[in-house]
Amino acid sequence: MNWYRQAPGKERELVAGISTSGRTNYIVSVKGRFTISRDNAKN
């Protein structure tokens, strides 16, 4: 599962992702500020 974002006039960019095993990745500009999480029981 991933979160992307797109600002006006700019390319869509990957902001954060979380793997099926729970590993997370973030774009540098949001590290320390954003947190991605998933709840598989709630989809």
PDB file of all heavy atoms in Angstrom:
ATOM      1  N   MET A   1       0.838  -1.189   0.000  1.00  0.00           N
ATOM      2  CA  MET A   1       0.000   0.000   0.000  1.00  0.00           C
ATOM      3  C   MET A   1       0.876   1.244   0.000  1.00  0.00           C
ATOM      4  O   MET A   1       1.868   1.324   0.732  1.00  0.00           O
ATOM      5  CB  MET A   1      -0.929   0.019   1.204  1.00  0.00           C
ATOM      6  CG  MET A   1      -1.906  -1.156   1.261  1.00  0.00           C
ATOM      7  SD  MET A   1      -2.986  -1.268  -0.203  1.00  0.00           S
ATOM      8  CE  MET A   1      -3.873   0.288  -0.104  1.00  0.00           C
ATOM      9  N   ASN A   2       0.490   2.194  -0.813  1.00  0.00           N
ATOM     10  CA  ASN A   2       1.271   3.416  -0.973  1.00  0.00           C
ATOM     11  C   ASN A   2       0.385   4.647  -0.914  1.00  0.00           C
ATOM     12  O   ASN A   2      -0.800   4.594  -1.232  1.00  0.00           O
ATOM     13  CB  ASN A   2       1.988   3.428  -2.333  1.00  0.00           C
ATOM     14  CG  ASN A   2       2.829   2.198  -2.561  1.00  0.00           C
ATOM     15  OD1 ASN A   2       3.840   1.988  -1.888  1.00  0.00           O
ATOM     16  ND2 ASN A   2       2.424   1.377  -3.530  1.00  0.00           N
ATOM     17  N   TRP A   3       0.995   5.744  -0.502  1.00  0.00           N
ATOM     18  CA  TRP A   3       0.386   7.053  -0.646  1.00  0.00           C
ATOM     19  C   TRP A   3       1.221   7.866  -1.625  1.00  0.00           C
ATOM     20  O   TRP A   3       2.431   8.001  -1.462  1.00  0.00           O
ATOM     21  CB  TRP A   3       0.307   7.790   0.689  1.00  0.00           C
ATOM     22  CG  TRP A   3      -0.742   7.268   1.609  1.00  0.00           C
ATOM     23  CD1 TRP A   3      -0.576   6.389   2.636  1.00  0.00           C
ATOM     24  CD2 TRP A   3      -2.133   7.609   1.593  1.00  0.00           C
ATOM     25  NE1 TRP A   3      -1.769   6.153   3.266  1.00  0.00           N
ATOM     26  CE2 TRP A   3      -2.749   6.891   2.644  1.00  0.00           C
ATOM     27  CE3 TRP A   3      -2.922   8.453   0.802  1.00  0.00           C
ATOM     28  CZ2 TRP A   3      -4.115   6.981   2.923  1.00  0.00           C
ATOM     29  CZ3 TRP A   3      -4.276   8.539   1.067  1.00  0.00           C
ATOM     30  CH2 TRP A   3      -4.855   7.812   2.117  1.00  0.00           C
ATOM     31  N   TYR A   4       0.566   8.376  -2.636  1.00  0.00           N
ATOM     32  CA  TYR A   4       1.160   9.288  -3.594  1.00  0.00           C
ATOM     33  C   TYR A   4       0.517  10.657  -3.420  1.00  0.00           C
ATOM     34  O   TYR A   4      -0.556  10.786  -2.830  1.00  0.00           O
ATOM     35  CB  TYR A   4       0.922   8.819  -5.029  1.00  0.00           C
ATOM     36  CG  TYR A   4       1.738   7.633  -5.484  1.00  0.00           C
ATOM     37  CD1 TYR A   4       1.419   6.339  -5.092  1.00  0.00           C
ATOM     38  CD2 TYR A   4       2.818   7.815  -6.350  1.00  0.00           C
ATOM     39  CE1 TYR A   4       2.152   5.250  -5.530  1.00  0.00           C
ATOM     40  CE2 TYR A   4       3.556   6.729  -6.804  1.00  0.00           C
ATOM     41  CZ  TYR A   4       3.217   5.452  -6.390  1.00  0.00           C
ATOM     42  OH  TYR A   4       3.946   4.369  -6.840  1.00  0.00           O
ATOM     43  N   ARG A   5       1.174  11.655  -3.964  1.00  0.00           N
ATOM     44  CA  ARG A   5       0.557  12.974  -3.997  1.00  0.00           C
ATOM     45  C   ARG A   5       0.923  13.687  -5.285  1.00  0.00           C
ATOM     46  O   ARG A   5       1.947  13.410  -5.897  1.00  0.00           O
ATOM     47  CB  ARG A   5       0.965  13.821  -2.786  1.00  0.00           C
ATOM     48  CG  ARG A   5       2.416  14.252  -2.756  1.00  0.00           C
ATOM     49  CD  ARG A   5       2.735  14.966  -1.453  1.00  0.00           C
ATOM     50  NE  ARG A   5       4.121  15.409  -1.406  1.00  0.00           N
ATOM     51  CZ  ARG A   5       4.715  15.900  -0.319  1.00  0.00           C
ATOM     52  NH1 ARG A   5       4.027  16.009   0.818  1.00  0.00           N
ATOM     53  NH2 ARG A   5       5.982  16.282  -0.370  1.00  0.00           N
ATOM     54  N   GLN A   6       0.070  14.603  -5.676  1.00  0.00           N
ATOM     55  CA  GLN A   6       0.308  15.386  -6.872  1.00  0.00           C
ATOM     56  C   GLN A   6      -0.135  16.814  -6.632  1.00  0.00           C
ATOM     57  O   GLN A   6      -1.302  17.074  -6.350  1.00  0.00           O
ATOM     58  CB  GLN A   6      -0.428  14.799  -8.075  1.00  0.00           C
ATOM     59  CG  GLN A   6      -0.081  15.476  -9.387  1.00  0.00           C
ATOM     60  CD  GLN A   6      -0.583  14.706 -10.589  1.00  0.00           C
ATOM     61  OE1 GLN A   6      -1.572  13.985 -10.507  1.00  0.00           O
ATOM     62  NE2 GLN A   6       0.108  14.847 -11.714  1.00  0.00           N
ATOM     63  N   ALA A   7       0.812  17.715  -6.725  1.00  0.00           N
ATOM     64  CA  ALA A   7       0.538  19.133  -6.613  1.00  0.00           C
ATOM     65  C   ALA A   7       0.275  19.694  -8.002  1.00  0.00           C
ATOM     66  O   ALA A   7       0.738  19.140  -8.997  1.00  0.00           O
ATOM     67  CB  ALA A   7       1.712  19.852  -5.959  1.00  0.00           C
ATOM     68  N   PRO A   8      -0.453  20.802  -8.098  1.00  0.00           N
ATOM     69  CA  PRO A   8      -0.737  21.394  -9.402  1.00  0.00           C
ATOM     70  C   PRO A   8       0.532  21.664 -10.202  1.00  0.00           C
ATOM     71  O   PRO A   8       1.481  22.256  -9.687  1.00  0.00           O
ATOM     72  CB  PRO A   8      -1.455  22.694  -9.048  1.00  0.00           C
ATOM     73  CG  PRO A   8      -2.092  22.415  -7.732  1.00  0.00           C
ATOM     74  CD  PRO A   8      -1.099  21.543  -7.002  1.00  0.00           C
ATOM     75  N   GLY A   9       0.545  21.206 -11.447  1.00  0.00           N
ATOM     76  CA  GLY A   9       1.680  21.436 -12.318  1.00  0.00           C
ATOM     77  C   GLY A   9       2.883  20.559 -12.066  1.00  0.00           C
ATOM     78  O   GLY A   9       3.918  20.747 -12.708  1.00  0.00           O
ATOM     79  N   LYS A  10       2.767  19.612 -11.148  1.00  0.00           N
ATOM     80  CA  LYS A  10       3.889  18.752 -10.825  1.00  0.00           C
ATOM     81  C   LYS A  10       3.556  17.284 -11.064  1.00  0.00           C
ATOM     82  O   LYS A  10       2.392  16.905 -11.159  1.00  0.00           O
ATOM     83  CB  LYS A  10       4.319  18.951  -9.372  1.00  0.00           C
ATOM     84  CG  LYS A  10       4.860  20.339  -9.081  1.00  0.00           C
ATOM     85  CD  LYS A  10       5.449  20.426  -7.693  1.00  0.00           C
ATOM     86  CE  LYS A  10       6.066  21.790  -7.439  1.00  0.00           C
ATOM     87  NZ  LYS A  10       6.663  21.877  -6.084  1.00  0.00           N
ATOM     88  N   GLU A  11       4.586  16.469 -11.166  1.00  0.00           N
ATOM     89  CA  GLU A  11       4.419  15.042 -11.346  1.00  0.00           C
ATOM     90  C   GLU A  11       3.927  14.392 -10.063  1.00  0.00           C
ATOM     91  O   GLU A  11       4.213  14.853  -8.960  1.00  0.00           O
ATOM     92  CB  GLU A  11       5.741  14.397 -11.762  1.00  0.00           C
ATOM     93  CG  GLU A  11       6.260  14.831 -13.121  1.00  0.00           C
ATOM     94  CD  GLU A  11       5.443  14.252 -14.251  1.00  0.00           C
ATOM     95  OE1 GLU A  11       5.068  13.064 -14.178  1.00  0.00           O
ATOM     96  OE2 GLU A  11       5.176  14.992 -15.214  1.00  0.00           O
ATOM     97  N   ARG A  12       3.186  13.315 -10.216  1.00  0.00           N
ATOM     98  CA  ARG A  12       2.776  12.542  -9.061  1.00  0.00           C
ATOM     99  C   ARG A  12       4.003  11.879  -8.444  1.00  0.00           C
ATOM    100  O   ARG A  12       4.850  11.325  -9.156  1.00  0.00           O
ATOM    101  CB  ARG A  12       1.750  11.484  -9.485  1.00  0.00           C
ATOM    102  CG  ARG A  12       1.141  10.725  -8.327  1.00  0.00           C
ATOM    103  CD  ARG A  12       0.037   9.788  -8.797  1.00  0.00           C
ATOM    104  NE  ARG A  12      -1.062  10.519  -9.432  1.00  0.00           N
ATOM    105  CZ  ARG A  12      -2.184   9.959  -9.858  1.00  0.00           C
ATOM    106  NH1 ARG A  12      -2.370   8.655  -9.716  1.00  0.00           N
ATOM    107  NH2 ARG A  12      -3.117  10.701 -10.424  1.00  0.00           N
ATOM    108  N   GLU A  13       4.111  11.941  -7.128  1.00  0.00           N
ATOM    109  CA  GLU A  13       5.258  11.374  -6.457  1.00  0.00           C
ATOM    110  C   GLU A  13       4.842  10.432  -5.339  1.00  0.00           C
ATOM    111  O   GLU A  13       3.812  10.634  -4.685  1.00  0.00           O
ATOM    112  CB  GLU A  13       6.168  12.471  -5.889  1.00  0.00           C
ATOM    113  CG  GLU A  13       5.541  13.305  -4.788  1.00  0.00           C
ATOM    114  CD  GLU A  13       6.490  14.338  -4.207  1.00  0.00           C
ATOM    115  OE1 GLU A  13       7.703  14.302  -4.516  1.00  0.00           O
ATOM    116  OE2 GLU A  13       6.026  15.195  -3.437  1.00  0.00           O
ATOM    117  N   LEU A  14       5.648   9.416  -5.133  1.00  0.00           N
ATOM    118  CA  LEU A  14       5.424   8.483  -4.034  1.00  0.00           C
ATOM    119  C   LEU A  14       5.842   9.137  -2.733  1.00  0.00           C
ATOM    120  O   LEU A  14       6.982   9.584  -2.600  1.00  0.00           O
ATOM    121  CB  LEU A  14       6.210   7.197  -4.267  1.00  0.00           C
ATOM    122  CG  LEU A  14       6.154   6.134  -3.166  1.00  0.00           C
ATOM    123  CD1 LEU A  14       4.737   5.598  -3.013  1.00  0.00           C
ATOM    124  CD2 LEU A  14       7.111   4.988  -3.485  1.00  0.00           C
ATOM    125  N   VAL A  15       4.942   9.192  -1.787  1.00  0.00           N
ATOM    126  CA  VAL A  15       5.209   9.811  -0.494  1.00  0.00           C
ATOM    127  C   VAL A  15       5.637   8.781   0.532  1.00  0.00           C
ATOM    128  O   VAL A  15       6.612   8.970   1.264  1.00  0.00           O
ATOM    129  CB  VAL A  15       3.973  10.569   0.020  1.00  0.00           C
ATOM    130  CG1 VAL A  15       4.228  11.155   1.404  1.00  0.00           C
ATOM    131  CG2 VAL A  15       3.578  11.664  -0.966  1.00  0.00           C
ATOM    132  N   ALA A  16       4.899   7.704   0.610  1.00  0.00           N
ATOM    133  CA  ALA A  16       5.167   6.667   1.599  1.00  0.00           C
ATOM    134  C   ALA A  16       4.606   5.346   1.117  1.00  0.00           C
ATOM    135  O   ALA A  16       3.629   5.305   0.369  1.00  0.00           O
ATOM    136  CB  ALA A  16       4.553   7.028   2.952  1.00  0.00           C
ATOM    137  N   GLY A  17       5.235   4.270   1.539  1.00  0.00           N
ATOM    138  CA  GLY A  17       4.760   2.946   1.199  1.00  0.00           C
ATOM    139  C   GLY A  17       4.938   1.998   2.363  1.00  0.00           C
ATOM    140  O   GLY A  17       5.818   2.193   3.205  1.00  0.00           O
ATOM    141  N   ILE A  18       4.100   0.992   2.403  1.00  0.00           N
ATOM    142  CA  ILE A  18       4.206  -0.039   3.430  1.00  0.00           C
ATOM    143  C   ILE A  18       4.001  -1.389   2.769  1.00  0.00           C
ATOM    144  O   ILE A  18       3.036  -1.610   2.041  1.00  0.00           O
ATOM    145  CB  ILE A  18       3.220   0.209   4.594  1.00  0.00           C
ATOM    146  CG1 ILE A  18       3.414  -0.836   5.696  1.00  0.00           C
ATOM    147  CG2 ILE A  18       1.770   0.250   4.108  1.00  0.00           C
ATOM    148  CD1 ILE A  18       2.733  -0.449   7.011  1.00  0.00           C
ATOM    149  N   SER A  19       4.931  -2.288   3.004  1.00  0.00           N
ATOM    150  CA  SER A  19       4.896  -3.592   2.374  1.00  0.00           C
ATOM    151  C   SER A  19       3.903  -4.510   3.060  1.00  0.00           C
ATOM    152  O   SER A  19       3.332  -4.190   4.101  1.00  0.00           O
ATOM    153  CB  SER A  19       6.289  -4.222   2.401  1.00  0.00           C
ATOM    154  OG  SER A  19       6.610  -4.671   3.702  1.00  0.00           O
ATOM    155  N   THR A  20       3.726  -5.679   2.471  1.00  0.00           N
ATOM    156  CA  THR A  20       2.837  -6.670   3.064  1.00  0.00           C
ATOM    157  C   THR A  20       3.344  -7.151   4.423  1.00  0.00           C
ATOM    158  O   THR A  20       2.556  -7.621   5.242  1.00  0.00           O
ATOM    159  CB  THR A  20       2.661  -7.871   2.133  1.00  0.00           C
ATOM    160  OG1 THR A  20       3.941  -8.434   1.822  1.00  0.00           O
ATOM    161  CG2 THR A  20       1.958  -7.453   0.843  1.00  0.00           C
ATOM    162  N   SER A  21       4.636  -7.019   4.663  1.00  0.00           N
ATOM    163  CA  SER A  21       5.223  -7.423   5.932  1.00  0.00           C
ATOM    164  C   SER A  21       5.363  -6.273   6.922  1.00  0.00           C
ATOM    165  O   SER A  21       5.868  -6.467   8.025  1.00  0.00           O
ATOM    166  CB  SER A  21       6.584  -8.080   5.717  1.00  0.00           C
ATOM    167  OG  SER A  21       7.494  -7.179   5.135  1.00  0.00           O
ATOM    168  N   GLY A  22       4.939  -5.080   6.524  1.00  0.00           N
ATOM    169  CA  GLY A  22       4.950  -3.951   7.429  1.00  0.00           C
ATOM    170  C   GLY A  22       6.151  -3.030   7.326  1.00  0.00           C
ATOM    171  O   GLY A  22       6.260  -2.067   8.093  1.00  0.00           O
ATOM    172  N   ARG A  23       7.057  -3.301   6.410  1.00  0.00           N
ATOM    173  CA  ARG A  23       8.196  -2.408   6.216  1.00  0.00           C
ATOM    174  C   ARG A  23       7.742  -1.130   5.546  1.00  0.00           C
ATOM    175  O   ARG A  23       6.931  -1.154   4.631  1.00  0.00           O
ATOM    176  CB  ARG A  23       9.286  -3.082   5.396  1.00  0.00           C
ATOM    177  CG  ARG A  23       9.985  -4.220   6.122  1.00  0.00           C
ATOM    178  CD  ARG A  23      11.103  -4.811   5.276  1.00  0.00           C
ATOM    179  NE  ARG A  23      11.893  -5.785   6.017  1.00  0.00           N
ATOM    180  CZ  ARG A  23      11.567  -7.058   6.153  1.00  0.00           C
ATOM    181  NH1 ARG A  23      10.459  -7.532   5.587  1.00  0.00           N
ATOM    182  NH2 ARG A  23      12.352  -7.877   6.848  1.00  0.00           N
ATOM    183  N   THR A  24       8.286  -0.008   5.992  1.00  0.00           N
ATOM    184  CA  THR A  24       7.859   1.292   5.499  1.00  0.00           C
ATOM    185  C   THR A  24       8.984   2.038   4.813  1.00  0.00           C
ATOM    186  O   THR A  24      10.158   1.850   5.125  1.00  0.00           O
ATOM    187  CB  THR A  24       7.308   2.162   6.633  1.00  0.00           C
ATOM    188  OG1 THR A  24       8.318   2.344   7.637  1.00  0.00           O
ATOM    189  CG2 THR A  24       6.091   1.505   7.273  1.00  0.00           C
ATOM    190  N   ASN A  25       8.609   2.884   3.885  1.00  0.00           N
ATOM    191  CA  ASN A  25       9.542   3.755   3.181  1.00  0.00           C
ATOM    192  C   ASN A  25       8.885   5.111   2.992  1.00  0.00           C
ATOM    193  O   ASN A  25       7.674   5.207   2.827  1.00  0.00           O
ATOM    194  CB  ASN A  25       9.929   3.172   1.826  1.00  0.00           C
ATOM    195  CG  ASN A  25      10.703   1.880   1.942  1.00  0.00           C
ATOM    196  OD1 ASN A  25      10.143   0.791   1.836  1.00  0.00           O
ATOM    197  ND2 ASN A  25      12.011   1.999   2.159  1.00  0.00           N
ATOM    198  N   TYR A  26       9.720   6.156   3.003  1.00  0.00           N
ATOM    199  CA  TYR A  26       9.227   7.517   2.879  1.00  0.00           C
ATOM    200  C   TYR A  26      10.116   8.331   1.972  1.00  0.00           C
ATOM    201  O   TYR A  26      11.327   8.114   1.908  1.00  0.00           O
ATOM    202  CB  TYR A  26       9.197   8.218   4.240  1.00  0.00           C
ATOM    203  CG  TYR A  26       8.366   7.525   5.284  1.00  0.00           C
ATOM    204  CD1 TYR A  26       8.924   6.568   6.122  1.00  0.00           C
ATOM    205  CD2 TYR A  26       7.018   7.835   5.432  1.00  0.00           C
ATOM    206  CE1 TYR A  26       8.157   5.928   7.080  1.00  0.00           C
ATOM    207  CE2 TYR A  26       6.246   7.201   6.393  1.00  0.00           C
ATOM    208  CZ  TYR A  26       6.821   6.248   7.216  1.00  0.00           C
ATOM    209  OH  TYR A  26       6.052   5.622   8.169  1.00  0.00           O
ATOM    210  N   ILE A  27       9.519   9.289   1.309  1.00  0.00           N
ATOM    211  CA  ILE A  27      10.303  10.270   0.598  1.00  0.00           C
ATOM    212  C   ILE A  27      11.015  11.127   1.643  1.00  0.00           C
ATOM    213  O   ILE A  27      10.486  11.364   2.734  1.00  0.00           O
ATOM    214  CB  ILE A  27       9.406  11.121  -0.334  1.00  0.00           C
ATOM    215  CG1 ILE A  27      10.230  11.953  -1.298  1.00  0.00           C
ATOM    216  CG2 ILE A  27       8.452  11.971   0.461  1.00  0.00           C
ATOM    217  CD1 ILE A  27       9.384  12.610  -2.390  1.00  0.00           C
ATOM    218  N   VAL A  28      12.225  11.555   1.319  1.00  0.00           N
ATOM    219  CA  VAL A  28      13.052  12.262   2.289  1.00  0.00           C
ATOM    220  C   VAL A  28      12.336  13.464   2.903  1.00  0.00           C
ATOM    221  O   VAL A  28      12.452  13.719   4.109  1.00  0.00           O
ATOM    222  CB  VAL A  28      14.382  12.702   1.647  1.00  0.00           C
ATOM    223  CG1 VAL A  28      15.145  13.645   2.568  1.00  0.00           C
ATOM    224  CG2 VAL A  28      15.228  11.484   1.321  1.00  0.00           C
ATOM    225  N   SER A  29      11.591  14.193   2.104  1.00  0.00           N
ATOM    226  CA  SER A  29      10.975  15.423   2.568  1.00  0.00           C
ATOM    227  C   SER A  29       9.910  15.226   3.654  1.00  0.00           C
ATOM    228  O   SER A  29       9.531  16.188   4.322  1.00  0.00           O
ATOM    229  CB  SER A  29      10.364  16.195   1.399  1.00  0.00           C
ATOM    230  OG  SER A  29       9.339  15.448   0.771  1.00  0.00           O
ATOM    231  N   VAL A  30       9.428  14.001   3.838  1.00  0.00           N
ATOM    232  CA  VAL A  30       8.401  13.763   4.848  1.00  0.00           C
ATOM    233  C   VAL A  30       8.886  12.893   6.000  1.00  0.00           C
ATOM    234  O   VAL A  30       8.144  12.683   6.967  1.00  0.00           O
ATOM    235  CB  VAL A  30       7.116  13.157   4.252  1.00  0.00           C
ATOM    236  CG1 VAL A  30       6.638  13.972   3.062  1.00  0.00           C
ATOM    237  CG2 VAL A  30       7.315  11.688   3.870  1.00  0.00           C
ATOM    238  N   LYS A  31      10.113  12.403   5.930  1.00  0.00           N
ATOM    239  CA  LYS A  31      10.637  11.564   7.003  1.00  0.00           C
ATOM    240  C   LYS A  31      10.621  12.313   8.328  1.00  0.00           C
ATOM    241  O   LYS A  31      11.021  13.463   8.408  1.00  0.00           O
ATOM    242  CB  LYS A  31      12.058  11.100   6.688  1.00  0.00           C
ATOM    243  CG  LYS A  31      12.136   9.993   5.661  1.00  0.00           C
ATOM    244  CD  LYS A  31      13.568   9.513   5.479  1.00  0.00           C
ATOM    245  CE  LYS A  31      13.640   8.363   4.485  1.00  0.00           C
ATOM    246  NZ  LYS A  31      15.039   7.909   4.275  1.00  0.00           N
ATOM    247  N   GLY A  32      10.151  11.644   9.352  1.00  0.00           N
ATOM    248  CA  GLY A  32      10.058  12.252  10.663  1.00  0.00           C
ATOM    249  C   GLY A  32       8.785  13.024  10.892  1.00  0.00           C
ATOM    250  O   GLY A  32       8.493  13.407  12.029  1.00  0.00           O
ATOM    251  N   ARG A  33       8.026  13.273   9.837  1.00  0.00           N
ATOM    252  CA  ARG A  33       6.771  14.010   9.955  1.00  0.00           C
ATOM    253  C   ARG A  33       5.551  13.148   9.646  1.00  0.00           C
ATOM    254  O   ARG A  33       4.499  13.324  10.258  1.00  0.00           O
ATOM    255  CB  ARG A  33       6.770  15.225   9.028  1.00  0.00           C
ATOM    256  CG  ARG A  33       7.876  16.226   9.314  1.00  0.00           C
ATOM    257  CD  ARG A  33       7.665  17.517   8.530  1.00  0.00           C
ATOM    258  NE  ARG A  33       7.733  17.298   7.084  1.00  0.00           N
ATOM    259  CZ  ARG A  33       6.746  17.554   6.229  1.00  0.00           C
ATOM    260  NH1 ARG A  33       5.601  18.063   6.673  1.00  0.00           N
ATOM    261  NH2 ARG A  33       6.901  17.332   4.933  1.00  0.00           N
ATOM    262  N   PHE A  34       5.697  12.240   8.680  1.00  0.00           N
ATOM    263  CA  PHE A  34       4.586  11.392   8.255  1.00  0.00           C
ATOM    264  C   PHE A  34       4.822   9.959   8.716  1.00  0.00           C
ATOM    265  O   PHE A  34       5.960   9.494   8.781  1.00  0.00           O
ATOM    266  CB  PHE A  34       4.445  11.382   6.736  1.00  0.00           C
ATOM    267  CG  PHE A  34       3.982  12.670   6.107  1.00  0.00           C
ATOM    268  CD1 PHE A  34       3.901  13.852   6.828  1.00  0.00           C
ATOM    269  CD2 PHE A  34       3.632  12.692   4.770  1.00  0.00           C
ATOM    270  CE1 PHE A  34       3.478  15.028   6.242  1.00  0.00           C
ATOM    271  CE2 PHE A  34       3.212  13.862   4.156  1.00  0.00           C
ATOM    272  CZ  PHE A  34       3.132  15.033   4.895  1.00  0.00           C
ATOM    273  N   THR A  35       3.747   9.262   8.982  1.00  0.00           N
ATOM    274  CA  THR A  35       3.819   7.851   9.334  1.00  0.00           C
ATOM    275  C   THR A  35       2.740   7.085   8.590  1.00  0.00           C
ATOM    276  O   THR A  35       1.557   7.415   8.683  1.00  0.00           O
ATOM    277  CB  THR A  35       3.632   7.631  10.846  1.00  0.00           C
ATOM    278  OG1 THR A  35       4.633   8.349  11.573  1.00  0.00           O
ATOM    279  CG2 THR A  35       3.753   6.149  11.183  1.00  0.00           C
ATOM    280  N   ILE A  36       3.156   6.072   7.846  1.00  0.00           N
ATOM    281  CA  ILE A  36       2.203   5.204   7.170  1.00  0.00           C
ATOM    282  C   ILE A  36       2.015   3.947   8.004  1.00  0.00           C
ATOM    283  O   ILE A  36       2.959   3.430   8.605  1.00  0.00           O
ATOM    284  CB  ILE A  36       2.672   4.857   5.735  1.00  0.00           C
ATOM    285  CG1 ILE A  36       1.579   4.099   4.971  1.00  0.00           C
ATOM    286  CG2 ILE A  36       3.983   4.078   5.753  1.00  0.00           C
ATOM    287  CD1 ILE A  36       1.891   3.906   3.484  1.00  0.00           C
ATOM    288  N   SER A  37       0.796   3.470   8.062  1.00  0.00           N
ATOM    289  CA  SER A  37       0.496   2.249   8.785  1.00  0.00           C
ATOM    290  C   SER A  37      -0.652   1.532   8.089  1.00  0.00           C
ATOM    291  O   SER A  37      -1.362   2.118   7.280  1.00  0.00           O
ATOM    292  CB  SER A  37       0.154   2.538  10.250  1.00  0.00           C
ATOM    293  OG  SER A  37      -0.998   3.361  10.349  1.00  0.00           O
ATOM    294  N   ARG A  38      -0.812   0.269   8.414  1.00  0.00           N
ATOM    295  CA  ARG A  38      -1.913  -0.484   7.834  1.00  0.00           C
ATOM    296  C   ARG A  38      -2.555  -1.363   8.877  1.00  0.00           C
ATOM    297  O   ARG A  38      -1.903  -1.831   9.819  1.00  0.00           O
ATOM    298  CB  ARG A  38      -1.433  -1.322   6.637  1.00  0.00           C
ATOM    299  CG  ARG A  38      -0.477  -2.456   6.980  1.00  0.00           C
ATOM    300  CD  ARG A  38       0.134  -3.074   5.712  1.00  0.00           C
ATOM    301  NE  ARG A  38      -0.870  -3.688   4.863  1.00  0.00           N
ATOM    302  CZ  ARG A  38      -0.703  -3.957   3.574  1.00  0.00           C
ATOM    303  NH1 ARG A  38       0.446  -3.642   2.966  1.00  0.00           N
ATOM    304  NH2 ARG A  38      -1.680  -4.534   2.875  1.00  0.00           N
ATOM    305  N   ASP A  39      -3.832  -1.582   8.710  1.00  0.00           N
ATOM    306  CA  ASP A  39      -4.592  -2.462   9.574  1.00  0.00           C
ATOM    307  C   ASP A  39      -5.271  -3.465   8.660  1.00  0.00           C
ATOM    308  O   ASP A  39      -6.307  -3.175   8.057  1.00  0.00           O
ATOM    309  CB  ASP A  39      -5.616  -1.678  10.397  1.00  0.00           C
ATOM    310  CG  ASP A  39      -6.331  -2.545  11.417  1.00  0.00           C
ATOM    311  OD1 ASP A  39      -6.378  -3.775  11.265  1.00  0.00           O
ATOM    312  OD2 ASP A  39      -6.863  -1.974  12.396  1.00  0.00           O
ATOM    313  N   ASN A  40      -4.670  -4.633   8.533  1.00  0.00           N
ATOM    314  CA  ASN A  40      -5.197  -5.632   7.607  1.00  0.00           C
ATOM    315  C   ASN A  40      -6.580  -6.137   8.007  1.00  0.00           C
ATOM    316  O   ASN A  40      -7.370  -6.528   7.153  1.00  0.00           O
ATOM    317  CB  ASN A  40      -4.225  -6.806   7.485  1.00  0.00           C
ATOM    318  CG  ASN A  40      -2.982  -6.456   6.700  1.00  0.00           C
ATOM    319  OD1 ASN A  40      -2.932  -5.434   6.012  1.00  0.00           O
ATOM    320  ND2 ASN A  40      -1.966  -7.298   6.800  1.00  0.00           N
ATOM    321  N   ALA A  41      -6.860  -6.131   9.305  1.00  0.00           N
ATOM    322  CA  ALA A  41      -8.174  -6.565   9.765  1.00  0.00           C
ATOM    323  C   ALA A  41      -9.271  -5.619   9.308  1.00  0.00           C
ATOM    324  O   ALA A  41     -10.421  -6.025   9.150  1.00  0.00           O
ATOM    325  CB  ALA A  41      -8.189  -6.707  11.284  1.00  0.00           C
ATOM    326  N   LYS A  42      -8.911  -4.357   9.112  1.00  0.00           N
ATOM    327  CA  LYS A  42      -9.868  -3.348   8.672  1.00  0.00           C
ATOM    328  C   LYS A  42      -9.730  -2.996   7.197  1.00  0.00           C
ATOM    329  O   LYS A  42     -10.459  -2.140   6.695  1.00  0.00           O
ATOM    330  CB  LYS A  42      -9.725  -2.081   9.506  1.00  0.00           C
ATOM    331  CG  LYS A  42     -10.069  -2.261  10.973  1.00  0.00           C
ATOM    332  CD  LYS A  42      -9.933  -0.947  11.728  1.00  0.00           C
ATOM    333  CE  LYS A  42     -10.320  -1.114  13.187  1.00  0.00           C
ATOM    334  NZ  LYS A  42     -10.179   0.154  13.944  1.00  0.00           N
ATOM    335  N   ASN A  43      -8.789  -3.641   6.514  1.00  0.00           N
ATOM    336  CA  ASN A  43      -8.520  -3.338   5.107  1.00  0.00           C
ATOM    337  C   ASN A  43      -8.311  -1.844   4.887  1.00  0.00           C
ATOM    338  O   ASN A  43      -8.852  -1.254   3.951  1.00  0.00           O
ATOM    339  CB  ASN A  43      -9.664  -3.837   4.213  1.00  0.00           C
ATOM    340  CG  ASN A  43      -9.678  -5.351   4.037  1.00  0.00           C
ATOM    341  OD1 ASN A  43     -10.548  -5.884   3.358  1.00  0.00           O
ATOM    342  ND2 ASN A  43      -8.733  -6.054   4.638  1.00  0.00           N
TER     343      ASN A  43
END
